Amino acid sequence: MQEIKRVAIKATTQFKAVMAQHFLELDEAARTKNKKVAWCSSVGPAELALSLGFLVYYYENHAAILGTNRTAMDYIPIANAHGYSPDICSYLTSDIGAYLKGETPLTKAYGIEKIPRPDVLLYNTNQCREVYDWVNFYAKEFKVPVVGINTPRTQRQVRDDVVQSVTAQLEEMVPQLEEIAGRPFDIDEFREVLATSRECSRLWEEVLGTAKAKPSTITFSDACIHMGPAVVMRGRKEANEYYRILLAELKERVEQGIGAVEGERHRFYWEGMPIWGKLRMMSDTFGRLKACVSVSTYCSSWVFSGFDPKDPFQSMARAYCSIFIGQDDVGKEDYIAEKVEQFSIDGLIFHDAKTCPSNTNCRYGMADRLSERLGIPHLTINGDLNDLRCFSEEQTITNIEAFVEQIEES
C-alpha cells in the first residue's frame, strides 16, 4: 500500500486544548455543582442556554466520538435490547447503549468517569425528530425537564410565519430556563453570546473557504475533526481564538501552495454524514488516488451567519430554520450547485447512511439530477454514521477507485 504523505495541521495542539477544556469544565460542574448543565442538540438552541450561565453538553458530539473510536457497535445492541430499533439513528442507539452500560469514551480521553448529569435537556427538530426521542429517554433517566423547539422540515423557502413560530417557542423557553438556572434572563448577555457565536460562524466559514484554493488546504476528514469547537464551544471566545489560529495557518498554506493532498488531481464534494469510524481510511484512499474531498454540506452545518444581536430571538429563529437539512430538494440542489462551482469540483460523493434518512439525500433522485445539471459524475457510498456493520471497506475502495478511473478517462 502506497504511503500517504500528510502535512500536519500545526493548530491541532490548540484544538486539543480547547476540546479538553470543554469536557473538563463539564465534568467539574457535574461533580461540584458549581454551574448548571444543559444538554443540547448540535444545531441549537445553545446560545440561549449559554446566556443564562449554563455549560452546554452536546449529546450528538458524544455519539460522534463513539463512532470515531469505533466502539459504537459495542453499544448499539444494548439499546436494541432496550427496545430501540436497529433501523433508527445509530447516534442515538450507540449513545443510549453506552449510557446503559455505564461507559463513555471521555474516560480514556480525559479521565472523566461519566457523562455530566443534566439540569435540563434541550432539543431542536430542525435536523431530525430523533433528538426529541433521544432527550426524552434521558428525561426519564435523570428526571429533569425537556425544553425544545419544533421546526418544520422540507421548506421551499423560510417563511415568515415559520420564523415567527420558532421565535415564539424560543421566547417561551426563557421563563423555564430562568427557573432552572436560578437567575434572571439578561437580553444584553444573550446579544453578546449571539455576537460571539456569529463570529465563530464567520471564522469557521472562512476556514472552510480556504479549500477553494488549488491545491485544497484541507480535506473533508480534516474539517470533520477541526469543526469540533464550532459545535461545542460556539458562543465562547475560546472557539473564536482557536479559529483565528487555524485560519492564519491555512492562509499561509494558500500563499505557499501547500495542499492537503500531495499532487492533487481531482476535487470532490461530500454530501451527507461522515462515516466516523472510517475517516482516516477514506482520507487515505482518496489521497492515494490524488483526490481531495475539498468541500461538504455537513461541515458547513455550523455556519449561522444570520445571527443578529440587534434582533436576537428572531434572527436566531431564522438562522436555525435556514440550515441545509431543513430545506426541500430544490433548495438543497441549488446550494450544492453553487458549492460545486465555487470549489471547482470534479465529482459528487453521496453517503447513503443506513440509519440517517434525514441527512441522506441520494434516495429520491437528487444525485442523478445534479449529475445531469452540472455535467459531473456522482458516486454513492453505502454506509452509516456510527454502525460500521453497514459498511464494506473493500467494496467502497473498489468503487472509489473505479469512480476516479472513470473521471480520468472522461
Protein backbone atom coordinates (compact mmCIF):
# COMPACT_ATOMS: atom_id res chain seq x y z
CA MET A 1 0.00 0.00 0.00
CA GLN A 2 1.36 3.39 -1.00
CA GLU A 3 2.33 5.57 1.96
CA ILE A 4 0.21 8.73 2.18
CA LYS A 5 2.25 11.82 2.97
CA ARG A 6 0.42 14.33 5.14
CA VAL A 7 1.18 17.91 6.06
CA ALA A 8 0.24 18.09 9.72
CA ILE A 9 -2.01 20.92 10.87
CA LYS A 10 0.04 22.72 13.48
CA ALA A 11 -3.04 24.19 15.19
CA THR A 12 -4.05 20.69 16.29
CA THR A 13 -2.34 21.32 19.63
CA GLN A 14 -4.62 24.28 20.33
CA PHE A 15 -7.60 22.29 19.06
CA LYS A 16 -6.98 19.55 21.59
CA ALA A 17 -6.66 22.10 24.39
CA VAL A 18 -9.99 23.75 23.54
CA MET A 19 -11.82 20.42 23.36
CA ALA A 20 -10.27 19.27 26.64
CA GLN A 21 -11.37 22.50 28.31
CA HIS A 22 -14.94 21.89 27.15
CA PHE A 23 -15.20 18.40 28.62
CA LEU A 24 -13.22 19.06 31.80
CA GLU A 25 -15.37 22.10 32.62
CA LEU A 26 -18.48 19.97 32.26
CA ASP A 27 -17.01 17.25 34.44
CA GLU A 28 -16.11 19.75 37.17
CA ALA A 29 -19.59 21.28 37.03
CA ALA A 30 -21.21 17.86 37.36
CA ARG A 31 -19.00 16.92 40.32
CA THR A 32 -19.00 20.22 42.23
CA LYS A 33 -22.40 21.62 41.17
CA ASN A 34 -20.68 24.97 40.61
CA LYS A 35 -22.62 25.50 37.37
CA LYS A 36 -25.81 24.21 35.84
CA VAL A 37 -25.51 21.89 32.82
CA ALA A 38 -27.81 21.97 29.79
CA TRP A 39 -27.71 19.15 27.28
CA CYS A 40 -28.39 20.46 23.80
CA SER A 41 -28.79 19.19 20.26
CA SER A 42 -25.95 20.25 17.99
CA VAL A 43 -27.99 22.72 15.94
CA GLY A 44 -29.31 24.85 18.77
CA PRO A 45 -30.56 26.49 20.86
CA ALA A 46 -27.25 26.56 22.74
CA GLU A 47 -26.80 30.34 22.68
CA LEU A 48 -29.86 30.90 24.85
CA ALA A 49 -28.59 28.42 27.44
CA LEU A 50 -25.13 29.99 27.46
CA SER A 51 -26.59 33.44 28.07
CA LEU A 52 -28.22 32.10 31.25
CA GLY A 53 -24.95 30.71 32.58
CA PHE A 54 -25.38 27.05 31.67
CA LEU A 55 -22.48 24.95 30.48
CA VAL A 56 -23.63 23.08 27.38
CA TYR A 57 -23.08 19.40 26.66
CA TYR A 58 -23.85 18.09 23.18
CA TYR A 59 -25.12 14.52 23.16
CA GLU A 60 -24.66 14.20 19.38
CA ASN A 61 -20.99 15.12 19.77
CA HIS A 62 -20.62 12.37 22.36
CA ALA A 63 -22.18 9.93 19.91
CA ALA A 64 -19.78 11.04 17.16
CA ILE A 65 -16.87 10.26 19.47
CA LEU A 66 -18.27 6.76 19.93
CA GLY A 67 -18.27 6.46 16.14
CA THR A 68 -14.77 7.83 15.73
CA ASN A 69 -13.23 5.42 18.24
CA ARG A 70 -15.22 2.52 16.73
CA THR A 71 -16.91 1.44 19.96
CA ALA A 72 -20.43 2.27 18.77
CA MET A 73 -21.06 -1.32 17.63
CA ASP A 74 -20.46 -2.49 21.21
CA TYR A 75 -23.31 -0.34 22.47
CA ILE A 76 -25.93 -0.33 19.70
CA PRO A 77 -27.12 -3.89 20.55
CA ILE A 78 -27.63 -2.83 24.17
CA ALA A 79 -30.02 -0.09 23.10
CA ASN A 80 -31.67 -2.54 20.68
CA ALA A 81 -32.29 -4.92 23.59
CA HIS A 82 -33.83 -1.98 25.45
CA GLY A 83 -36.46 -1.58 22.72
CA TYR A 84 -34.73 0.82 20.31
CA SER A 85 -34.82 -0.42 16.72
CA PRO A 86 -31.56 -1.19 14.86
CA ASP A 87 -33.00 0.83 11.97
CA ILE A 88 -33.09 4.16 13.81
CA CYS A 89 -30.30 6.69 14.28
CA SER A 90 -27.08 4.96 15.32
CA TYR A 91 -26.01 8.13 17.12
CA LEU A 92 -29.00 7.65 19.40
CA THR A 93 -28.63 3.91 19.87
CA SER A 94 -24.87 3.96 20.46
CA ASP A 95 -25.14 6.83 22.95
CA ILE A 96 -28.01 5.30 24.90
CA GLY A 97 -26.29 1.91 24.80
CA ALA A 98 -23.09 3.40 26.23
CA TYR A 99 -25.11 5.06 28.99
CA LEU A 100 -26.90 1.82 29.84
CA LYS A 101 -23.53 0.05 30.06
CA GLY A 102 -22.12 2.86 32.20
CA GLU A 103 -19.26 3.69 29.84
CA THR A 104 -18.01 6.75 27.97
CA PRO A 105 -15.04 7.44 25.66
CA LEU A 106 -14.37 10.52 27.80
CA THR A 107 -12.78 8.21 30.38
CA LYS A 108 -9.94 7.20 28.09
CA ALA A 109 -9.58 10.66 26.54
CA TYR A 110 -9.79 12.86 29.64
CA GLY A 111 -10.06 10.64 32.71
CA ILE A 112 -13.73 11.57 33.08
CA GLU A 113 -15.67 8.85 34.85
CA LYS A 114 -19.11 9.54 33.39
CA ILE A 115 -21.06 11.99 31.27
CA PRO A 116 -22.27 15.11 33.12
CA ARG A 117 -25.69 14.91 34.74
CA PRO A 118 -28.05 17.40 33.08
CA ASP A 119 -30.18 20.02 34.81
CA VAL A 120 -32.24 20.47 31.64
CA LEU A 121 -32.46 18.79 28.24
CA LEU A 122 -32.78 20.96 25.11
CA TYR A 123 -33.57 19.95 21.55
CA ASN A 124 -34.40 21.42 18.15
CA THR A 125 -36.07 19.26 15.50
CA ASN A 126 -34.65 21.37 12.65
CA GLN A 127 -32.34 18.45 11.84
CA CYS A 128 -34.49 15.41 12.76
CA ARG A 129 -37.18 14.21 15.14
CA GLU A 130 -34.79 11.68 16.71
CA VAL A 131 -33.31 14.31 19.02
CA TYR A 132 -36.73 14.62 20.67
CA ASP A 133 -36.90 10.87 21.34
CA TRP A 134 -33.27 10.90 22.44
CA VAL A 135 -33.68 13.55 25.15
CA ASN A 136 -36.92 12.03 26.37
CA PHE A 137 -35.07 8.82 27.22
CA TYR A 138 -32.69 10.82 29.40
CA ALA A 139 -35.53 12.88 30.87
CA LYS A 140 -36.90 9.67 32.38
CA GLU A 141 -33.46 8.51 33.50
CA PHE A 142 -32.40 11.77 35.17
CA LYS A 143 -35.89 13.08 36.00
CA VAL A 144 -35.16 16.51 34.56
CA PRO A 145 -37.29 18.72 32.28
CA VAL A 146 -37.20 18.75 28.47
CA VAL A 147 -37.46 22.13 26.72
CA GLY A 148 -37.34 22.37 22.96
CA ILE A 149 -38.27 23.76 19.59
CA ASN A 150 -40.26 22.01 16.89
CA THR A 151 -39.16 23.27 13.49
CA PRO A 152 -40.75 22.48 10.10
CA ARG A 153 -38.76 20.49 7.56
CA THR A 154 -38.56 20.36 3.73
CA GLN A 155 -39.22 24.07 3.30
CA ARG A 156 -39.19 25.55 -0.20
CA GLN A 157 -38.18 28.81 1.45
CA VAL A 158 -38.00 30.05 5.03
CA ARG A 159 -41.43 31.60 5.50
CA ASP A 160 -42.08 34.47 7.88
CA ASP A 161 -44.84 32.59 9.69
CA VAL A 162 -42.43 29.72 10.40
CA VAL A 163 -39.83 32.14 11.74
CA GLN A 164 -42.45 33.78 13.96
CA SER A 165 -43.49 30.36 15.31
CA VAL A 166 -39.92 29.38 16.18
CA THR A 167 -39.26 32.84 17.63
CA ALA A 168 -42.26 32.42 19.94
CA GLN A 169 -41.04 28.98 21.01
CA LEU A 170 -37.61 30.41 21.84
CA GLU A 171 -39.14 33.22 23.88
CA GLU A 172 -41.37 30.75 25.71
CA MET A 173 -38.26 28.82 26.81
CA VAL A 174 -36.91 31.78 28.77
CA PRO A 175 -39.08 31.56 31.94
CA GLN A 176 -38.47 27.81 32.21
CA LEU A 177 -34.71 28.22 31.81
CA GLU A 178 -34.65 31.14 34.26
CA GLU A 179 -36.25 28.95 36.91
CA ILE A 180 -33.77 26.11 36.33
CA ALA A 181 -30.79 28.46 36.13
CA GLY A 182 -31.85 30.31 39.26
CA ARG A 183 -31.15 33.67 37.69
CA PRO A 184 -32.94 36.22 35.50
CA PHE A 185 -32.51 36.38 31.76
CA ASP A 186 -30.44 39.34 30.52
CA ILE A 187 -31.07 40.36 26.92
CA ASP A 188 -27.67 42.05 26.68
CA GLU A 189 -25.89 38.84 27.70
CA PHE A 190 -27.89 37.00 25.07
CA ARG A 191 -26.86 39.54 22.44
CA GLU A 192 -23.22 39.18 23.44
CA VAL A 193 -23.32 35.38 23.20
CA LEU A 194 -25.05 35.58 19.82
CA ALA A 195 -22.43 38.03 18.54
CA THR A 196 -19.65 35.69 19.69
CA SER A 197 -21.38 32.73 18.03
CA ARG A 198 -21.81 34.67 14.79
CA GLU A 199 -18.10 35.49 14.79
CA CYS A 200 -17.33 31.80 15.27
CA SER A 201 -19.54 31.05 12.26
CA ARG A 202 -17.75 33.68 10.18
CA LEU A 203 -14.32 32.34 11.08
CA TRP A 204 -15.29 28.71 10.52
CA GLU A 205 -16.81 29.56 7.14
CA GLU A 206 -13.59 31.33 6.20
CA VAL A 207 -11.58 28.28 7.31
CA LEU A 208 -13.68 26.06 5.05
CA GLY A 209 -13.38 28.62 2.25
CA THR A 210 -9.59 28.29 2.11
CA ALA A 211 -10.23 24.91 0.43
CA LYS A 212 -11.24 26.81 -2.73
CA ALA A 213 -7.51 27.21 -3.33
CA LYS A 214 -5.74 24.80 -5.67
CA PRO A 215 -4.46 22.61 -4.16
CA SER A 216 -7.06 22.43 -1.41
CA THR A 217 -5.81 23.40 2.06
CA ILE A 218 -7.81 20.78 3.96
CA THR A 219 -9.79 17.62 3.35
CA PHE A 220 -13.27 16.64 4.48
CA SER A 221 -11.67 14.44 7.15
CA ASP A 222 -9.66 17.39 8.47
CA ALA A 223 -12.76 19.57 8.59
CA CYS A 224 -14.78 16.88 10.43
CA ILE A 225 -12.23 16.99 13.23
CA HIS A 226 -11.49 20.69 13.38
CA MET A 227 -15.17 21.70 13.34
CA GLY A 228 -15.27 20.49 16.96
CA PRO A 229 -15.02 23.93 18.62
CA ALA A 230 -17.69 25.33 16.25
CA VAL A 231 -20.00 22.58 17.51
CA VAL A 232 -19.30 22.51 21.24
CA MET A 233 -17.76 25.93 22.00
CA ARG A 234 -19.55 28.38 19.72
CA GLY A 235 -20.73 31.33 21.75
CA ARG A 236 -17.46 31.09 23.72
CA LYS A 237 -14.47 33.28 22.91
CA GLU A 238 -12.12 30.28 23.12
CA ALA A 239 -13.57 28.86 19.90
CA ASN A 240 -13.02 32.12 18.05
CA GLU A 241 -9.45 32.38 19.29
CA TYR A 242 -8.78 28.87 18.02
CA TYR A 243 -10.19 29.55 14.56
CA ARG A 244 -8.09 32.67 14.18
CA ILE A 245 -5.01 30.50 14.74
CA LEU A 246 -6.19 27.80 12.32
CA LEU A 247 -7.23 30.34 9.69
CA ALA A 248 -3.83 32.05 9.77
CA GLU A 249 -2.14 28.68 9.22
CA LEU A 250 -4.39 27.77 6.30
CA LYS A 251 -3.95 31.17 4.67
CA GLU A 252 -0.22 30.54 4.87
CA ARG A 253 -0.77 27.23 3.09
CA VAL A 254 -2.61 29.05 0.32
CA GLU A 255 0.24 31.53 -0.08
CA GLN A 256 2.84 28.76 -0.18
CA GLY A 257 0.80 26.44 -2.42
CA ILE A 258 0.72 23.68 0.19
CA GLY A 259 -2.10 21.19 -0.34
CA ALA A 260 -3.72 18.69 1.97
CA VAL A 261 -3.26 16.02 -0.73
CA GLU A 262 0.12 15.77 -2.39
CA GLY A 263 -0.17 16.06 -6.17
CA GLU A 264 -3.91 16.80 -6.07
CA ARG A 265 -5.59 15.93 -9.40
CA HIS A 266 -9.26 15.61 -8.52
CA ARG A 267 -11.62 17.53 -6.23
CA PHE A 268 -14.80 16.03 -4.77
CA TYR A 269 -17.87 17.19 -2.87
CA TRP A 270 -19.11 15.05 0.04
CA GLU A 271 -22.85 15.09 0.63
CA GLY A 272 -24.20 13.50 3.80
CA MET A 273 -22.94 12.37 7.17
CA PRO A 274 -19.34 11.28 7.82
CA ILE A 275 -18.56 7.62 8.31
CA TRP A 276 -16.92 8.43 11.61
CA GLY A 277 -15.05 5.19 12.19
CA LYS A 278 -13.54 5.29 8.69
CA LEU A 279 -12.46 8.92 8.34
CA ARG A 280 -8.77 8.02 8.18
CA MET A 281 -9.30 5.07 5.84
CA MET A 282 -11.39 7.20 3.46
CA SER A 283 -8.87 10.04 3.57
CA ASP A 284 -6.04 7.62 2.78
CA THR A 285 -7.99 6.09 -0.10
CA PHE A 286 -8.71 9.43 -1.74
CA GLY A 287 -5.18 10.67 -1.03
CA ARG A 288 -3.62 7.61 -2.66
CA LEU A 289 -5.64 8.41 -5.77
CA LYS A 290 -4.51 12.08 -5.70
CA ALA A 291 -8.09 13.11 -4.94
CA CYS A 292 -9.24 15.59 -2.30
CA VAL A 293 -12.72 15.81 -0.83
CA SER A 294 -12.50 19.58 -0.66
CA VAL A 295 -15.97 20.59 0.50
CA SER A 296 -19.03 19.10 2.16
CA THR A 297 -22.52 20.02 3.18
CA TYR A 298 -22.01 18.55 6.64
CA CYS A 299 -19.11 20.70 7.82
CA SER A 300 -20.94 23.87 6.83
CA SER A 301 -23.79 22.96 9.18
CA TRP A 302 -22.31 25.19 11.88
CA VAL A 303 -22.30 28.40 9.89
CA PHE A 304 -25.02 30.69 11.25
CA SER A 305 -24.22 33.94 9.50
CA GLY A 306 -27.81 35.16 10.01
CA PHE A 307 -27.38 35.72 13.75
CA ASP A 308 -28.07 39.39 14.52
CA PRO A 309 -27.52 40.67 18.09
CA LYS A 310 -29.85 43.61 17.35
CA ASP A 311 -32.75 41.19 16.89
CA PRO A 312 -31.54 38.13 18.78
CA PHE A 313 -34.65 35.95 19.07
CA GLN A 314 -35.97 36.38 15.53
CA SER A 315 -32.57 36.21 13.84
CA MET A 316 -31.69 33.09 15.82
CA ALA A 317 -35.01 31.53 14.80
CA ARG A 318 -34.45 32.38 11.13
CA ALA A 319 -30.85 31.10 11.18
CA TYR A 320 -31.85 27.78 12.75
CA CYS A 321 -34.73 27.41 10.27
CA SER A 322 -32.38 28.05 7.34
CA ILE A 323 -29.99 25.14 7.78
CA PHE A 324 -29.45 22.87 4.77
CA ILE A 325 -31.09 19.79 6.25
CA GLY A 326 -34.38 21.65 6.71
CA GLN A 327 -34.74 22.70 3.07
CA ASP A 328 -36.53 20.93 0.24
CA ASP A 329 -34.64 19.28 -2.63
CA VAL A 330 -34.80 22.36 -4.87
CA GLY A 331 -33.02 24.46 -2.24
CA LYS A 332 -30.52 21.70 -1.49
CA GLU A 333 -29.64 21.20 -5.15
CA ASP A 334 -29.14 24.93 -5.70
CA TYR A 335 -26.86 25.03 -2.65
CA ILE A 336 -24.74 22.11 -3.85
CA ALA A 337 -24.54 23.51 -7.38
CA GLU A 338 -23.18 26.78 -6.01
CA LYS A 339 -20.54 25.00 -3.93
CA VAL A 340 -19.51 22.82 -6.89
CA GLU A 341 -18.76 25.96 -8.89
CA GLN A 342 -17.02 27.80 -6.05
CA PHE A 343 -14.73 24.89 -5.17
CA SER A 344 -14.07 23.64 -8.74
CA ILE A 345 -15.49 20.19 -8.06
CA ASP A 346 -14.98 17.24 -10.44
CA GLY A 347 -17.39 14.75 -8.88
CA LEU A 348 -20.05 14.26 -6.20
CA ILE A 349 -19.83 11.69 -3.40
CA PHE A 350 -23.16 10.83 -1.75
CA HIS A 351 -23.19 8.90 1.52
CA ASP A 352 -26.30 6.77 1.89
CA ALA A 353 -26.30 6.44 5.69
CA LYS A 354 -28.37 3.41 6.64
CA THR A 355 -29.79 4.83 9.90
CA CYS A 356 -29.89 8.52 8.97
CA PRO A 357 -32.61 9.16 6.37
CA SER A 358 -32.91 12.80 7.44
CA ASN A 359 -29.38 13.57 6.28
CA THR A 360 -29.24 11.19 3.30
CA ASN A 361 -30.11 12.97 0.08
CA CYS A 362 -29.50 10.37 -2.62
CA ARG A 363 -32.66 8.27 -2.22
CA TYR A 364 -35.06 10.37 -4.28
CA GLY A 365 -33.13 11.07 -7.46
CA MET A 366 -31.06 14.05 -6.34
CA ALA A 367 -27.71 12.51 -7.33
CA ASP A 368 -28.87 11.83 -10.89
CA ARG A 369 -30.48 15.25 -11.22
CA LEU A 370 -27.34 17.04 -10.08
CA SER A 371 -25.05 14.99 -12.33
CA GLU A 372 -27.20 15.88 -15.31
CA ARG A 373 -27.46 19.53 -14.30
CA LEU A 374 -23.77 20.03 -13.51
CA GLY A 375 -22.21 17.67 -16.04
CA ILE A 376 -20.13 15.82 -13.44
CA PRO A 377 -20.40 12.21 -12.25
CA HIS A 378 -21.53 11.01 -8.85
CA LEU A 379 -20.79 8.03 -6.64
CA THR A 380 -22.98 6.68 -3.84
CA ILE A 381 -21.23 5.08 -0.87
CA ASN A 382 -23.35 2.82 1.32
CA GLY A 383 -22.57 3.00 5.00
CA ASP A 384 -23.63 4.64 8.22
CA LEU A 385 -22.51 7.37 10.57
CA ASN A 386 -21.74 5.01 13.50
CA ASP A 387 -22.75 1.45 12.67
CA LEU A 388 -19.83 0.03 10.70
CA ARG A 389 -21.70 -3.23 10.16
CA CYS A 390 -23.46 -1.32 7.37
CA PHE A 391 -20.16 -0.53 5.64
CA SER A 392 -17.92 -2.64 3.39
CA GLU A 393 -14.39 -1.27 3.27
CA GLU A 394 -13.30 -3.50 0.38
CA GLN A 395 -16.32 -2.65 -1.76
CA THR A 396 -16.02 1.06 -1.00
CA ILE A 397 -12.35 1.19 -2.00
CA THR A 398 -13.13 -0.65 -5.25
CA ASN A 399 -15.98 1.77 -6.01
CA ILE A 400 -13.87 4.85 -5.30
CA GLU A 401 -11.03 3.55 -7.48
CA ALA A 402 -13.47 2.90 -10.33
CA PHE A 403 -15.00 6.36 -9.89
CA VAL A 404 -11.63 8.08 -10.11
CA GLU A 405 -10.71 5.97 -13.13
CA GLN A 406 -13.99 7.00 -14.79
CA ILE A 407 -13.14 10.66 -14.28
CA GLU A 408 -9.62 10.24 -15.60
CA GLU A 409 -10.87 8.50 -18.73
CA SER A 410 -13.62 11.03 -19.48
